[in-house]
Amino acid sequence: MKKRRDIVIDLLKKAYDRKDILVSGCGTGNTMSDVFKHGYNINGVDINRRLLSVAAFRVQYSTKESEKKIINLI
């Protein structure tokens, strides 16, 4: 059985020809960090600043410095 992140990444590859994504209500960035690793530029938005802090930490420490592209958390 595929994990949610694998399903999301497969759908993005099939249906979305751009590498820029807006994630509304990104929360702690569970899926966002996995999508980011596949070369997508992400803008994450969430009303809860604590959740954004967790998302920023997760993305920052889940990727190598050379792999980092764009991630904005608003």
C-alpha atoms as a PDB file:
ATOM      1  CA  MET A   1       0.000   0.000   0.000  1.00  0.00           C
ATOM      2  CA  LYS A   2       1.387   3.392  -1.010  1.00  0.00           C
ATOM      3  CA  LYS A   3       1.995   6.055   1.575  1.00  0.00           C
ATOM      4  CA  ARG A   4       0.190   9.376   1.299  1.00  0.00           C
ATOM      5  CA  ARG A   5       3.362  11.222   0.303  1.00  0.00           C
ATOM      6  CA  ASP A   6       3.988   8.805  -2.570  1.00  0.00           C
ATOM      7  CA  ILE A   7       0.441   9.282  -3.832  1.00  0.00           C
ATOM      8  CA  VAL A   8       0.789  13.077  -3.670  1.00  0.00           C
ATOM      9  CA  ILE A   9       4.106  13.034  -5.515  1.00  0.00           C
ATOM     10  CA  ASP A  10       2.737  10.683  -8.199  1.00  0.00           C
ATOM     11  CA  LEU A  11      -0.273  12.957  -8.713  1.00  0.00           C
ATOM     12  CA  LEU A  12       1.935  16.041  -8.979  1.00  0.00           C
ATOM     13  CA  LYS A  13       4.148  14.389 -11.577  1.00  0.00           C
ATOM     14  CA  LYS A  14       1.167  13.322 -13.683  1.00  0.00           C
ATOM     15  CA  ALA A  15      -1.079  16.361 -13.432  1.00  0.00           C
ATOM     16  CA  TYR A  16       1.116  19.340 -12.679  1.00  0.00           C
ATOM     17  CA  ASP A  17       3.768  20.569 -15.098  1.00  0.00           C
ATOM     18  CA  ARG A  18       5.146  23.345 -12.884  1.00  0.00           C
ATOM     19  CA  LYS A  19       7.501  23.130  -9.950  1.00  0.00           C
ATOM     20  CA  ASP A  20       5.900  25.936  -7.877  1.00  0.00           C
ATOM     21  CA  ILE A  21       3.323  24.900  -5.295  1.00  0.00           C
ATOM     22  CA  LEU A  22       1.221  26.763  -2.739  1.00  0.00           C
ATOM     23  CA  VAL A  23       0.258  24.648   0.251  1.00  0.00           C
ATOM     24  CA  SER A  24      -2.646  26.268   2.076  1.00  0.00           C
ATOM     25  CA  GLY A  25      -2.960  24.996   5.631  1.00  0.00           C
ATOM     26  CA  CYS A  26       0.441  23.303   5.501  1.00  0.00           C
ATOM     27  CA  GLY A  27       0.442  22.548   9.231  1.00  0.00           C
ATOM     28  CA  THR A  28       3.638  20.826  10.322  1.00  0.00           C
ATOM     29  CA  GLY A  29       4.718  20.156   6.758  1.00  0.00           C
ATOM     30  CA  ASN A  30       4.568  16.341   6.770  1.00  0.00           C
ATOM     31  CA  THR A  31       3.843  15.983   3.074  1.00  0.00           C
ATOM     32  CA  MET A  32       5.434  19.312   2.200  1.00  0.00           C
ATOM     33  CA  SER A  33       8.945  18.200   3.171  1.00  0.00           C
ATOM     34  CA  ASP A  34       8.663  15.060   1.020  1.00  0.00           C
ATOM     35  CA  VAL A  35       7.402  17.038  -1.982  1.00  0.00           C
ATOM     36  CA  PHE A  36      10.221  19.548  -1.467  1.00  0.00           C
ATOM     37  CA  LYS A  37      12.785  16.746  -1.731  1.00  0.00           C
ATOM     38  CA  HIS A  38      11.486  15.976  -5.236  1.00  0.00           C
ATOM     39  CA  GLY A  39      12.478  19.402  -6.552  1.00  0.00           C
ATOM     40  CA  TYR A  40       9.312  21.421  -6.043  1.00  0.00           C
ATOM     41  CA  ASN A  41       9.413  25.032  -4.845  1.00  0.00           C
ATOM     42  CA  ILE A  42       6.950  25.391  -2.009  1.00  0.00           C
ATOM     43  CA  ASN A  43       5.094  28.276  -0.451  1.00  0.00           C
ATOM     44  CA  GLY A  44       3.451  27.064   2.742  1.00  0.00           C
ATOM     45  CA  VAL A  45       0.706  29.035   4.446  1.00  0.00           C
ATOM     46  CA  ASP A  46      -0.872  28.336   7.800  1.00  0.00           C
ATOM     47  CA  ILE A  47      -2.634  30.461  10.402  1.00  0.00           C
ATOM     48  CA  ASN A  48      -0.770  28.770  13.260  1.00  0.00           C
ATOM     49  CA  ARG A  49       2.777  30.108  13.642  1.00  0.00           C
ATOM     50  CA  ARG A  50       3.826  27.205  15.863  1.00  0.00           C
ATOM     51  CA  LEU A  51       2.924  24.724  13.146  1.00  0.00           C
ATOM     52  CA  LEU A  52       4.872  26.819  10.630  1.00  0.00           C
ATOM     53  CA  SER A  53       7.905  26.663  12.926  1.00  0.00           C
ATOM     54  CA  VAL A  54       7.666  22.875  12.966  1.00  0.00           C
ATOM     55  CA  ALA A  55       7.306  22.806   9.174  1.00  0.00           C
ATOM     56  CA  ALA A  56      10.355  25.046   8.721  1.00  0.00           C
ATOM     57  CA  PHE A  57      12.400  22.857  11.057  1.00  0.00           C
ATOM     58  CA  ARG A  58      11.245  19.678   9.304  1.00  0.00           C
ATOM     59  CA  VAL A  59      12.158  20.934   5.835  1.00  0.00           C
ATOM     60  CA  GLN A  60      15.420  22.511   6.955  1.00  0.00           C
ATOM     61  CA  TYR A  61      16.707  19.340   8.595  1.00  0.00           C
ATOM     62  CA  SER A  62      15.297  16.831   6.131  1.00  0.00           C
ATOM     63  CA  THR A  63      17.255  18.142   3.150  1.00  0.00           C
ATOM     64  CA  LYS A  64      20.916  18.655   2.423  1.00  0.00           C
ATOM     65  CA  GLU A  65      22.073  22.231   1.936  1.00  0.00           C
ATOM     66  CA  SER A  66      22.724  21.560  -1.761  1.00  0.00           C
ATOM     67  CA  GLU A  67      19.140  20.343  -2.253  1.00  0.00           C
ATOM     68  CA  LYS A  68      17.415  23.394  -0.792  1.00  0.00           C
ATOM     69  CA  LYS A  69      15.546  25.478  -3.290  1.00  0.00           C
ATOM     70  CA  ILE A  70      12.695  27.729  -2.243  1.00  0.00           C
ATOM     71  CA  ILE A  71      10.447  27.421   0.744  1.00  0.00           C
ATOM     72  CA  ASN A  72       8.479  30.318   2.115  1.00  0.00           C
ATOM     73  CA  LEU A  73       6.376  29.975   5.200  1.00  0.00           C
ATOM     74  CA  ILE A  74       3.840  32.746   5.713  1.00  0.00           C
END
